[in-house]
Amino acid sequence: MQATRNRVLRQAIAKGIIQLPGAFNALAARAIQRAGFEAVYISGAGLSNAVFGLPDVGLFTMTEAVTHARTICAAVSVPVVVDGDTGFGEAVNAARTVTELEAAGVSAVHFEDQVLPKKCGHLDGKELITPQAMAEKLRAACAARTDPDFMIIARTDARGVTSFDDAVDRANRYLDAGADAVFPEAMQSSDELAAFAQKVKAPLLANMTEFGKTPLLSLKELERMGYRMVIYPQTALRVAFSAITAMLADLKAKGDQIAWVPRMQTREALYDLLDYDGLAKIDSAAIRRQ
């Protein structure tokens, strides 16, 4: 199953562009798959915010990230791509991160060239490690994987720290070090996204996060530029918590949730998403064997 999922991801981006909404838990991942998306993304920000109630500044551990990823991978059959932050340390730490994520069922991971502790890619005040140090991490990550179809994606945060040209230079160095794809974080215009695709000849990942430094573009626009993966890291989380915040305010003010019932997921819809029927079949089979 895992080798198949890894190959499925590679084949999908070879054919064209795919969308990867961010899943902040296993139920959200099931909903993403049910909606017809070809893959699921696990955002470091989503893990920090939704699971631990923390800002995205590198406060969770590799073990916590792997545990979260394993739960989501078990809930879906589509490929899962994970934000590996900085690799949780140096080159040897990045290698172990690959080993653990691959064993958890993940199909791809991206590592970034920020100094640990990192910051959210769309915040100011980030710092970069040297291109040489990042290349070491990528070589170690590639050496650690057991399935060559498991993807190592190199993210560069250089645009928000040094320059666009440095981001391009770093991206090409990272490809030389063995990265399978590149994630240029915090590009500041559609022209920059297009120019990056012209200068870096590899599968590219675009981050369409809201309220950041990068303009929100359509899937068709990004495909024309040459991008092959598009992540929406916090979209579902932001929509969900906007609704939750409004509901709680109304519940506090009115003393009941009656007006919200038509906007809720029904019990039947939840049970369908959780595949209660599948569990019932297993239960029936067990009873028949007694």
C-alpha atoms as a PDB file:
ATOM      1  CA  MET A   1       0.000   0.000   0.000  1.00  0.00           C
ATOM      2  CA  GLN A   2       2.712   2.499   0.987  1.00  0.00           C
ATOM      3  CA  ALA A   3       4.898   1.900  -2.058  1.00  0.00           C
ATOM      4  CA  THR A   4       1.759   2.293  -4.140  1.00  0.00           C
ATOM      5  CA  ARG A   5       0.860   5.623  -2.538  1.00  0.00           C
ATOM      6  CA  ASN A   6       4.362   6.948  -3.061  1.00  0.00           C
ATOM      7  CA  ARG A   7       4.266   5.961  -6.728  1.00  0.00           C
ATOM      8  CA  VAL A   8       0.766   7.413  -7.115  1.00  0.00           C
ATOM      9  CA  LEU A   9       2.018  10.824  -5.951  1.00  0.00           C
ATOM     10  CA  ARG A  10       4.918  10.792  -8.383  1.00  0.00           C
ATOM     11  CA  GLN A  11       2.689   9.745 -11.246  1.00  0.00           C
ATOM     12  CA  ALA A  12       0.097  12.408 -10.413  1.00  0.00           C
ATOM     13  CA  ILE A  13       2.555  15.300 -10.553  1.00  0.00           C
ATOM     14  CA  ALA A  14       4.127  13.875 -13.697  1.00  0.00           C
ATOM     15  CA  LYS A  15       0.724  14.127 -15.394  1.00  0.00           C
ATOM     16  CA  GLY A  16      -0.199  17.618 -14.209  1.00  0.00           C
ATOM     17  CA  ILE A  17      -0.965  19.753 -11.204  1.00  0.00           C
ATOM     18  CA  ILE A  18      -2.567  18.528  -7.967  1.00  0.00           C
ATOM     19  CA  GLN A  19      -4.160  20.294  -5.012  1.00  0.00           C
ATOM     20  CA  LEU A  20      -3.280  19.369  -1.433  1.00  0.00           C
ATOM     21  CA  PRO A  21      -5.575  20.890   1.203  1.00  0.00           C
ATOM     22  CA  GLY A  22      -4.160  20.940   4.722  1.00  0.00           C
ATOM     23  CA  ALA A  23      -5.548  18.422   7.211  1.00  0.00           C
ATOM     24  CA  PHE A  24      -5.292  19.434  10.860  1.00  0.00           C
ATOM     25  CA  ASN A  25      -6.571  16.054  12.051  1.00  0.00           C
ATOM     26  CA  ALA A  26      -7.626  12.641  10.737  1.00  0.00           C
ATOM     27  CA  LEU A  27     -11.281  13.583  10.284  1.00  0.00           C
ATOM     28  CA  ALA A  28     -10.322  16.589   8.155  1.00  0.00           C
ATOM     29  CA  ALA A  29      -8.091  14.278   6.105  1.00  0.00           C
ATOM     30  CA  ARG A  30     -11.031  11.946   5.503  1.00  0.00           C
ATOM     31  CA  ALA A  31     -13.135  14.894   4.361  1.00  0.00           C
ATOM     32  CA  ILE A  32     -10.389  15.991   1.950  1.00  0.00           C
ATOM     33  CA  GLN A  33     -10.212  12.531   0.405  1.00  0.00           C
ATOM     34  CA  ARG A  34     -14.013  12.268   0.278  1.00  0.00           C
ATOM     35  CA  ALA A  35     -14.138  15.584  -1.606  1.00  0.00           C
ATOM     36  CA  GLY A  36     -12.035  14.024  -4.367  1.00  0.00           C
ATOM     37  CA  PHE A  37      -8.590  15.501  -3.761  1.00  0.00           C
ATOM     38  CA  GLU A  38      -5.663  13.366  -4.850  1.00  0.00           C
ATOM     39  CA  ALA A  39      -3.469  13.991  -1.809  1.00  0.00           C
ATOM     40  CA  VAL A  40      -3.465  15.469   1.701  1.00  0.00           C
ATOM     41  CA  TYR A  41      -1.041  17.976   3.191  1.00  0.00           C
ATOM     42  CA  ILE A  42      -0.012  18.175   6.848  1.00  0.00           C
ATOM     43  CA  SER A  43       1.096  21.681   7.727  1.00  0.00           C
ATOM     44  CA  GLY A  44       3.506  22.461  10.532  1.00  0.00           C
ATOM     45  CA  ALA A  45       1.366  25.494  11.298  1.00  0.00           C
ATOM     46  CA  GLY A  46      -1.732  23.316  11.419  1.00  0.00           C
ATOM     47  CA  LEU A  47      -0.045  20.937  13.846  1.00  0.00           C
ATOM     48  CA  SER A  48       1.220  23.793  16.009  1.00  0.00           C
ATOM     49  CA  ASN A  49      -2.071  25.691  16.026  1.00  0.00           C
ATOM     50  CA  ALA A  50      -4.818  23.067  16.007  1.00  0.00           C
ATOM     51  CA  VAL A  51      -3.196  20.233  17.967  1.00  0.00           C
ATOM     52  CA  PHE A  52      -1.061  22.089  20.493  1.00  0.00           C
ATOM     53  CA  GLY A  53      -2.548  25.602  20.485  1.00  0.00           C
ATOM     54  CA  LEU A  54       0.896  27.054  19.797  1.00  0.00           C
ATOM     55  CA  PRO A  55       2.300  29.534  17.266  1.00  0.00           C
ATOM     56  CA  ASP A  56       4.222  28.151  14.296  1.00  0.00           C
ATOM     57  CA  VAL A  57       7.752  28.760  15.542  1.00  0.00           C
ATOM     58  CA  GLY A  58       9.163  25.237  15.719  1.00  0.00           C
ATOM     59  CA  LEU A  59       7.898  24.259  19.175  1.00  0.00           C
ATOM     60  CA  PHE A  60       6.782  20.678  18.491  1.00  0.00           C
ATOM     61  CA  THR A  61       9.158  17.730  18.223  1.00  0.00           C
ATOM     62  CA  MET A  62       9.871  15.240  15.479  1.00  0.00           C
ATOM     63  CA  THR A  63       8.180  12.504  17.503  1.00  0.00           C
ATOM     64  CA  GLU A  64       5.022  14.600  17.866  1.00  0.00           C
ATOM     65  CA  ALA A  65       4.980  15.352  14.139  1.00  0.00           C
ATOM     66  CA  VAL A  66       5.408  11.671  13.249  1.00  0.00           C
ATOM     67  CA  THR A  67       2.635  10.592  15.621  1.00  0.00           C
ATOM     68  CA  HIS A  68       0.264  13.131  14.074  1.00  0.00           C
ATOM     69  CA  ALA A  69       1.235  12.071  10.547  1.00  0.00           C
ATOM     70  CA  ARG A  70       0.780   8.377  11.314  1.00  0.00           C
ATOM     71  CA  THR A  71      -2.777   8.995  12.530  1.00  0.00           C
ATOM     72  CA  ILE A  72      -3.680  10.904   9.381  1.00  0.00           C
ATOM     73  CA  CYS A  73      -2.035   8.397   7.037  1.00  0.00           C
ATOM     74  CA  ALA A  74      -4.038   5.600   8.676  1.00  0.00           C
ATOM     75  CA  ALA A  75      -7.296   7.487   8.062  1.00  0.00           C
ATOM     76  CA  VAL A  76      -6.909   7.880   4.286  1.00  0.00           C
ATOM     77  CA  SER A  77      -5.709   5.936   1.256  1.00  0.00           C
ATOM     78  CA  VAL A  78      -4.381   8.897  -0.763  1.00  0.00           C
ATOM     79  CA  PRO A  79      -0.756  10.120  -0.520  1.00  0.00           C
ATOM     80  CA  VAL A  80       0.161  12.389   2.388  1.00  0.00           C
ATOM     81  CA  VAL A  81       2.767  15.163   2.159  1.00  0.00           C
ATOM     82  CA  VAL A  82       4.243  16.479   5.405  1.00  0.00           C
ATOM     83  CA  ASP A  83       5.885  19.728   6.467  1.00  0.00           C
ATOM     84  CA  GLY A  84       9.168  18.558   7.993  1.00  0.00           C
ATOM     85  CA  ASP A  85      10.195  22.043   9.137  1.00  0.00           C
ATOM     86  CA  THR A  86      13.998  22.177   9.396  1.00  0.00           C
ATOM     87  CA  GLY A  87      14.349  18.423   9.767  1.00  0.00           C
ATOM     88  CA  PHE A  88      14.336  18.970  13.544  1.00  0.00           C
ATOM     89  CA  GLY A  89      18.073  19.527  13.696  1.00  0.00           C
ATOM     90  CA  GLU A  90      21.111  18.879  11.552  1.00  0.00           C
ATOM     91  CA  ALA A  91      21.656  16.446   8.678  1.00  0.00           C
ATOM     92  CA  VAL A  92      21.464  13.322  10.821  1.00  0.00           C
ATOM     93  CA  ASN A  93      18.194  14.564  12.362  1.00  0.00           C
ATOM     94  CA  ALA A  94      16.711  15.169   8.922  1.00  0.00           C
ATOM     95  CA  ALA A  95      17.689  11.623   7.969  1.00  0.00           C
ATOM     96  CA  ARG A  96      15.933  10.162  11.002  1.00  0.00           C
ATOM     97  CA  THR A  97      12.881  12.310  10.254  1.00  0.00           C
ATOM     98  CA  VAL A  98      12.678  10.701   6.815  1.00  0.00           C
ATOM     99  CA  THR A  99      13.022   7.220   8.299  1.00  0.00           C
ATOM    100  CA  GLU A 100      10.249   7.824  10.818  1.00  0.00           C
ATOM    101  CA  LEU A 101       7.862   9.567   8.409  1.00  0.00           C
ATOM    102  CA  GLU A 102       8.325   6.933   5.743  1.00  0.00           C
ATOM    103  CA  ALA A 103       7.528   4.219   8.306  1.00  0.00           C
ATOM    104  CA  ALA A 104       4.433   6.204   9.349  1.00  0.00           C
ATOM    105  CA  GLY A 105       3.021   6.012   5.829  1.00  0.00           C
ATOM    106  CA  VAL A 106       3.963   9.457   4.521  1.00  0.00           C
ATOM    107  CA  SER A 107       4.743   9.803   0.800  1.00  0.00           C
ATOM    108  CA  ALA A 108       6.718  13.082   0.761  1.00  0.00           C
ATOM    109  CA  VAL A 109       8.300  15.582   3.126  1.00  0.00           C
ATOM    110  CA  HIS A 110       9.643  19.086   2.647  1.00  0.00           C
ATOM    111  CA  PHE A 111      12.539  20.566   4.570  1.00  0.00           C
ATOM    112  CA  GLU A 112      13.330  24.267   4.764  1.00  0.00           C
ATOM    113  CA  ASP A 113      16.583  26.195   4.920  1.00  0.00           C
ATOM    114  CA  GLN A 114      15.774  28.210   8.019  1.00  0.00           C
ATOM    115  CA  VAL A 115      17.772  28.345  11.226  1.00  0.00           C
ATOM    116  CA  LEU A 116      16.241  26.311  14.065  1.00  0.00           C
ATOM    117  CA  PRO A 117      14.022  27.447  15.767  1.00  0.00           C
ATOM    118  CA  LYS A 118      12.235  28.433  12.582  1.00  0.00           C
ATOM    119  CA  LYS A 119       9.380  30.851  11.956  1.00  0.00           C
ATOM    120  CA  CYS A 120       6.262  30.692   9.835  1.00  0.00           C
ATOM    121  CA  GLY A 121       7.374  31.278   6.246  1.00  0.00           C
ATOM    122  CA  HIS A 122       5.304  34.453   5.884  1.00  0.00           C
ATOM    123  CA  LEU A 123       6.644  36.186   9.004  1.00  0.00           C
ATOM    124  CA  ASP A 124       9.518  38.637   9.050  1.00  0.00           C
ATOM    125  CA  GLY A 125      12.730  38.057  10.975  1.00  0.00           C
ATOM    126  CA  LYS A 126      13.619  34.645   9.554  1.00  0.00           C
ATOM    127  CA  GLU A 127      17.235  33.485   9.370  1.00  0.00           C
ATOM    128  CA  LEU A 128      18.800  31.064   6.905  1.00  0.00           C
ATOM    129  CA  ILE A 129      21.361  28.327   7.203  1.00  0.00           C
ATOM    130  CA  THR A 130      24.037  28.193   4.508  1.00  0.00           C
ATOM    131  CA  PRO A 131      23.234  26.493   1.188  1.00  0.00           C
ATOM    132  CA  GLN A 132      25.983  23.989   1.993  1.00  0.00           C
ATOM    133  CA  ALA A 133      24.347  23.038   5.298  1.00  0.00           C
ATOM    134  CA  MET A 134      20.981  22.609   3.601  1.00  0.00           C
ATOM    135  CA  ALA A 135      22.552  20.478   0.874  1.00  0.00           C
ATOM    136  CA  GLU A 136      23.981  18.227   3.586  1.00  0.00           C
ATOM    137  CA  LYS A 137      20.499  17.776   5.064  1.00  0.00           C
ATOM    138  CA  LEU A 138      19.058  16.910   1.675  1.00  0.00           C
ATOM    139  CA  ARG A 139      21.784  14.397   0.857  1.00  0.00           C
ATOM    140  CA  ALA A 140      21.277  12.747   4.242  1.00  0.00           C
ATOM    141  CA  ALA A 141      17.491  12.706   3.752  1.00  0.00           C
ATOM    142  CA  CYS A 142      17.813  11.082   0.339  1.00  0.00           C
ATOM    143  CA  ALA A 143      20.225   8.476   1.682  1.00  0.00           C
ATOM    144  CA  ALA A 144      17.833   7.585   4.518  1.00  0.00           C
ATOM    145  CA  ARG A 145      14.763   6.720   2.449  1.00  0.00           C
ATOM    146  CA  THR A 146      14.128   3.081   1.621  1.00  0.00           C
ATOM    147  CA  ASP A 147      11.677   3.681  -1.227  1.00  0.00           C
ATOM    148  CA  PRO A 148      13.103   5.797  -4.064  1.00  0.00           C
ATOM    149  CA  ASP A 149       9.547   7.002  -4.788  1.00  0.00           C
ATOM    150  CA  PHE A 150       9.380   8.712  -1.388  1.00  0.00           C
ATOM    151  CA  MET A 151       9.777  12.396  -2.299  1.00  0.00           C
ATOM    152  CA  ILE A 152      12.222  14.836  -0.714  1.00  0.00           C
ATOM    153  CA  ILE A 153      11.101  18.419  -1.357  1.00  0.00           C
ATOM    154  CA  ALA A 154      13.463  21.321  -0.694  1.00  0.00           C
ATOM    155  CA  ARG A 155      11.855  24.499   0.564  1.00  0.00           C
ATOM    156  CA  THR A 156      13.785  27.754   0.414  1.00  0.00           C
ATOM    157  CA  ASP A 157      12.804  30.780   2.486  1.00  0.00           C
ATOM    158  CA  ALA A 158      15.455  32.963   0.868  1.00  0.00           C
ATOM    159  CA  ARG A 159      13.000  35.313  -0.874  1.00  0.00           C
ATOM    160  CA  GLY A 160      11.855  36.708   2.467  1.00  0.00           C
ATOM    161  CA  VAL A 161      15.381  37.014   3.869  1.00  0.00           C
ATOM    162  CA  THR A 162      17.911  37.742   1.138  1.00  0.00           C
ATOM    163  CA  SER A 163      16.570  38.010  -2.416  1.00  0.00           C
ATOM    164  CA  PHE A 164      14.691  36.352  -5.243  1.00  0.00           C
ATOM    165  CA  ASP A 165      17.979  35.570  -7.005  1.00  0.00           C
ATOM    166  CA  ASP A 166      19.321  33.850  -3.904  1.00  0.00           C
ATOM    167  CA  ALA A 167      16.149  31.748  -3.735  1.00  0.00           C
ATOM    168  CA  VAL A 168      16.731  30.630  -7.332  1.00  0.00           C
ATOM    169  CA  ASP A 169      20.401  29.877  -6.695  1.00  0.00           C
ATOM    170  CA  ARG A 170      19.631  27.904  -3.553  1.00  0.00           C
ATOM    171  CA  ALA A 171      16.865  25.956  -5.279  1.00  0.00           C
ATOM    172  CA  ASN A 172      19.213  24.797  -8.023  1.00  0.00           C
ATOM    173  CA  ARG A 173      21.860  23.844  -5.469  1.00  0.00           C
ATOM    174  CA  TYR A 174      19.282  21.821  -3.589  1.00  0.00           C
ATOM    175  CA  LEU A 175      18.317  19.973  -6.747  1.00  0.00           C
ATOM    176  CA  ASP A 176      21.971  19.170  -7.303  1.00  0.00           C
ATOM    177  CA  ALA A 177      22.030  17.750  -3.760  1.00  0.00           C
ATOM    178  CA  GLY A 178      19.273  15.294  -4.657  1.00  0.00           C
ATOM    179  CA  ALA A 179      15.962  17.038  -3.933  1.00  0.00           C
ATOM    180  CA  ASP A 180      13.088  15.755  -6.053  1.00  0.00           C
ATOM    181  CA  ALA A 181      11.109  19.007  -6.044  1.00  0.00           C
ATOM    182  CA  VAL A 182      11.334  22.606  -4.840  1.00  0.00           C
ATOM    183  CA  PHE A 183       9.042  24.743  -2.693  1.00  0.00           C
ATOM    184  CA  PRO A 184       9.783  28.483  -3.061  1.00  0.00           C
ATOM    185  CA  GLU A 185       8.245  30.037   0.034  1.00  0.00           C
ATOM    186  CA  ALA A 186       6.829  33.567   0.265  1.00  0.00           C
ATOM    187  CA  MET A 187       7.145  34.660  -3.347  1.00  0.00           C
ATOM    188  CA  GLN A 188       5.746  38.194  -3.413  1.00  0.00           C
ATOM    189  CA  SER A 189       3.961  38.410  -6.761  1.00  0.00           C
ATOM    190  CA  SER A 190       2.577  36.309  -9.581  1.00  0.00           C
ATOM    191  CA  ASP A 191       5.466  37.545 -11.724  1.00  0.00           C
ATOM    192  CA  GLU A 192       7.939  36.130  -9.197  1.00  0.00           C
ATOM    193  CA  LEU A 193       6.170  32.794  -9.129  1.00  0.00           C
ATOM    194  CA  ALA A 194       6.309  32.645 -12.929  1.00  0.00           C
ATOM    195  CA  ALA A 195       9.940  33.770 -13.098  1.00  0.00           C
ATOM    196  CA  PHE A 196      10.960  31.181 -10.519  1.00  0.00           C
ATOM    197  CA  ALA A 197       9.377  28.443 -12.620  1.00  0.00           C
ATOM    198  CA  GLN A 198      11.364  29.636 -15.632  1.00  0.00           C
ATOM    199  CA  LYS A 199      14.658  29.521 -13.732  1.00  0.00           C
ATOM    200  CA  VAL A 200      14.215  26.315 -11.719  1.00  0.00           C
ATOM    201  CA  LYS A 201      13.518  23.271 -13.868  1.00  0.00           C
ATOM    202  CA  ALA A 202      11.970  20.800 -11.450  1.00  0.00           C
ATOM    203  CA  PRO A 203       8.569  19.862 -10.046  1.00  0.00           C
ATOM    204  CA  LEU A 204       7.516  22.940  -8.070  1.00  0.00           C
ATOM    205  CA  LEU A 205       5.207  23.384  -5.093  1.00  0.00           C
ATOM    206  CA  ALA A 206       3.239  26.608  -4.588  1.00  0.00           C
ATOM    207  CA  ASN A 207       1.889  27.705  -1.221  1.00  0.00           C
ATOM    208  CA  MET A 208      -1.528  29.341  -1.493  1.00  0.00           C
ATOM    209  CA  THR A 209      -1.868  30.287   2.147  1.00  0.00           C
ATOM    210  CA  GLU A 210      -4.232  33.137   2.967  1.00  0.00           C
ATOM    211  CA  PHE A 211      -3.146  36.458   4.503  1.00  0.00           C
ATOM    212  CA  GLY A 212       0.495  35.922   3.561  1.00  0.00           C
ATOM    213  CA  LYS A 213       3.040  37.514   1.258  1.00  0.00           C
ATOM    214  CA  THR A 214       2.081  35.486  -1.828  1.00  0.00           C
ATOM    215  CA  PRO A 215      -0.996  36.449  -3.884  1.00  0.00           C
ATOM    216  CA  LEU A 216      -3.730  33.845  -4.162  1.00  0.00           C
ATOM    217  CA  LEU A 217      -3.818  32.431  -7.691  1.00  0.00           C
ATOM    218  CA  SER A 218      -6.061  29.911  -9.400  1.00  0.00           C
ATOM    219  CA  LEU A 219      -5.022  26.359 -10.090  1.00  0.00           C
ATOM    220  CA  LYS A 220      -5.040  27.053 -13.835  1.00  0.00           C
ATOM    221  CA  GLU A 221      -2.743  30.063 -13.446  1.00  0.00           C
ATOM    222  CA  LEU A 222      -0.237  28.052 -11.424  1.00  0.00           C
ATOM    223  CA  GLU A 223      -0.409  25.149 -13.852  1.00  0.00           C
ATOM    224  CA  ARG A 224       0.356  27.475 -16.767  1.00  0.00           C
ATOM    225  CA  MET A 225       3.413  28.706 -14.890  1.00  0.00           C
ATOM    226  CA  GLY A 226       4.650  25.133 -14.457  1.00  0.00           C
ATOM    227  CA  TYR A 227       3.774  24.293 -10.845  1.00  0.00           C
ATOM    228  CA  ARG A 228       2.818  20.715 -10.047  1.00  0.00           C
ATOM    229  CA  MET A 229       1.696  20.827  -6.397  1.00  0.00           C
ATOM    230  CA  VAL A 230      -0.394  23.468  -4.641  1.00  0.00           C
ATOM    231  CA  ILE A 231      -0.883  23.402  -0.876  1.00  0.00           C
ATOM    232  CA  TYR A 232      -3.634  25.139   1.086  1.00  0.00           C
ATOM    233  CA  PRO A 233      -2.140  24.668   4.564  1.00  0.00           C
ATOM    234  CA  GLN A 234      -4.609  26.477   6.820  1.00  0.00           C
ATOM    235  CA  THR A 235      -7.662  26.985   4.607  1.00  0.00           C
ATOM    236  CA  ALA A 236      -9.890  24.353   6.239  1.00  0.00           C
ATOM    237  CA  LEU A 237      -8.660  25.285   9.716  1.00  0.00           C
ATOM    238  CA  ARG A 238      -9.354  28.985   9.198  1.00  0.00           C
ATOM    239  CA  VAL A 239     -12.846  28.334   7.861  1.00  0.00           C
ATOM    240  CA  ALA A 240     -13.610  25.922  10.702  1.00  0.00           C
ATOM    241  CA  PHE A 241     -12.419  28.195  13.478  1.00  0.00           C
ATOM    242  CA  SER A 242     -14.129  31.218  12.026  1.00  0.00           C
ATOM    243  CA  ALA A 243     -17.394  29.287  12.232  1.00  0.00           C
ATOM    244  CA  ILE A 244     -16.583  27.905  15.686  1.00  0.00           C
ATOM    245  CA  THR A 245     -15.804  31.376  17.029  1.00  0.00           C
ATOM    246  CA  ALA A 246     -19.066  32.793  15.667  1.00  0.00           C
ATOM    247  CA  MET A 247     -21.080  29.865  17.036  1.00  0.00           C
ATOM    248  CA  LEU A 248     -19.577  30.150  20.504  1.00  0.00           C
ATOM    249  CA  ALA A 249     -20.303  33.870  20.634  1.00  0.00           C
ATOM    250  CA  ASP A 250     -23.908  33.206  19.635  1.00  0.00           C
ATOM    251  CA  LEU A 251     -24.269  30.341  22.118  1.00  0.00           C
ATOM    252  CA  LYS A 252     -22.990  32.562  24.917  1.00  0.00           C
ATOM    253  CA  ALA A 253     -25.300  35.425  23.956  1.00  0.00           C
ATOM    254  CA  LYS A 254     -28.495  33.418  23.340  1.00  0.00           C
ATOM    255  CA  GLY A 255     -28.080  30.407  25.592  1.00  0.00           C
ATOM    256  CA  ASP A 256     -28.805  27.792  22.932  1.00  0.00           C
ATOM    257  CA  GLN A 257     -27.450  26.494  19.590  1.00  0.00           C
ATOM    258  CA  ILE A 258     -30.790  26.002  17.854  1.00  0.00           C
ATOM    259  CA  ALA A 259     -30.147  28.532  15.075  1.00  0.00           C
ATOM    260  CA  TRP A 260     -26.920  26.716  14.192  1.00  0.00           C
ATOM    261  CA  VAL A 261     -28.410  23.247  13.750  1.00  0.00           C
ATOM    262  CA  PRO A 262     -29.162  23.704  10.001  1.00  0.00           C
ATOM    263  CA  ARG A 263     -25.513  24.648   9.465  1.00  0.00           C
ATOM    264  CA  MET A 264     -24.125  21.631  11.291  1.00  0.00           C
ATOM    265  CA  GLN A 265     -22.857  18.362   9.892  1.00  0.00           C
ATOM    266  CA  THR A 266     -25.557  15.839  10.695  1.00  0.00           C
ATOM    267  CA  ARG A 267     -24.993  12.728  12.746  1.00  0.00           C
ATOM    268  CA  GLU A 268     -25.678  10.646   9.632  1.00  0.00           C
ATOM    269  CA  ALA A 269     -23.120  12.583   7.587  1.00  0.00           C
ATOM    270  CA  LEU A 270     -20.498  12.195  10.314  1.00  0.00           C
ATOM    271  CA  TYR A 271     -21.114   8.460  10.597  1.00  0.00           C
ATOM    272  CA  ASP A 272     -20.862   8.136   6.839  1.00  0.00           C
ATOM    273  CA  LEU A 273     -17.523   9.972   6.824  1.00  0.00           C
ATOM    274  CA  LEU A 274     -16.293   7.718   9.634  1.00  0.00           C
ATOM    275  CA  ASP A 275     -17.472   4.599   7.717  1.00  0.00           C
ATOM    276  CA  TYR A 276     -19.634   3.166  10.461  1.00  0.00           C
ATOM    277  CA  ASP A 277     -21.054   0.736   7.885  1.00  0.00           C
ATOM    278  CA  GLY A 278     -17.605  -0.706   7.326  1.00  0.00           C
ATOM    279  CA  LEU A 279     -17.167  -1.213  11.064  1.00  0.00           C
ATOM    280  CA  ALA A 280     -20.609  -2.825  11.262  1.00  0.00           C
ATOM    281  CA  LYS A 281     -19.614  -5.326   8.557  1.00  0.00           C
ATOM    282  CA  ILE A 282     -16.507  -6.273  10.529  1.00  0.00           C
ATOM    283  CA  ASP A 283     -18.599  -6.635  13.657  1.00  0.00           C
ATOM    284  CA  SER A 284     -21.109  -8.834  11.839  1.00  0.00           C
ATOM    285  CA  ALA A 285     -18.348 -11.042  10.458  1.00  0.00           C
ATOM    286  CA  ALA A 286     -16.938 -11.489  13.952  1.00  0.00           C
ATOM    287  CA  ILE A 287     -20.330 -12.451  15.381  1.00  0.00           C
ATOM    288  CA  ARG A 288     -20.939 -15.036  12.612  1.00  0.00           C
ATOM    289  CA  ARG A 289     -17.681 -16.795  13.456  1.00  0.00           C
ATOM    290  CA  GLN A 290     -18.618 -17.334  17.092  1.00  0.00           C
END
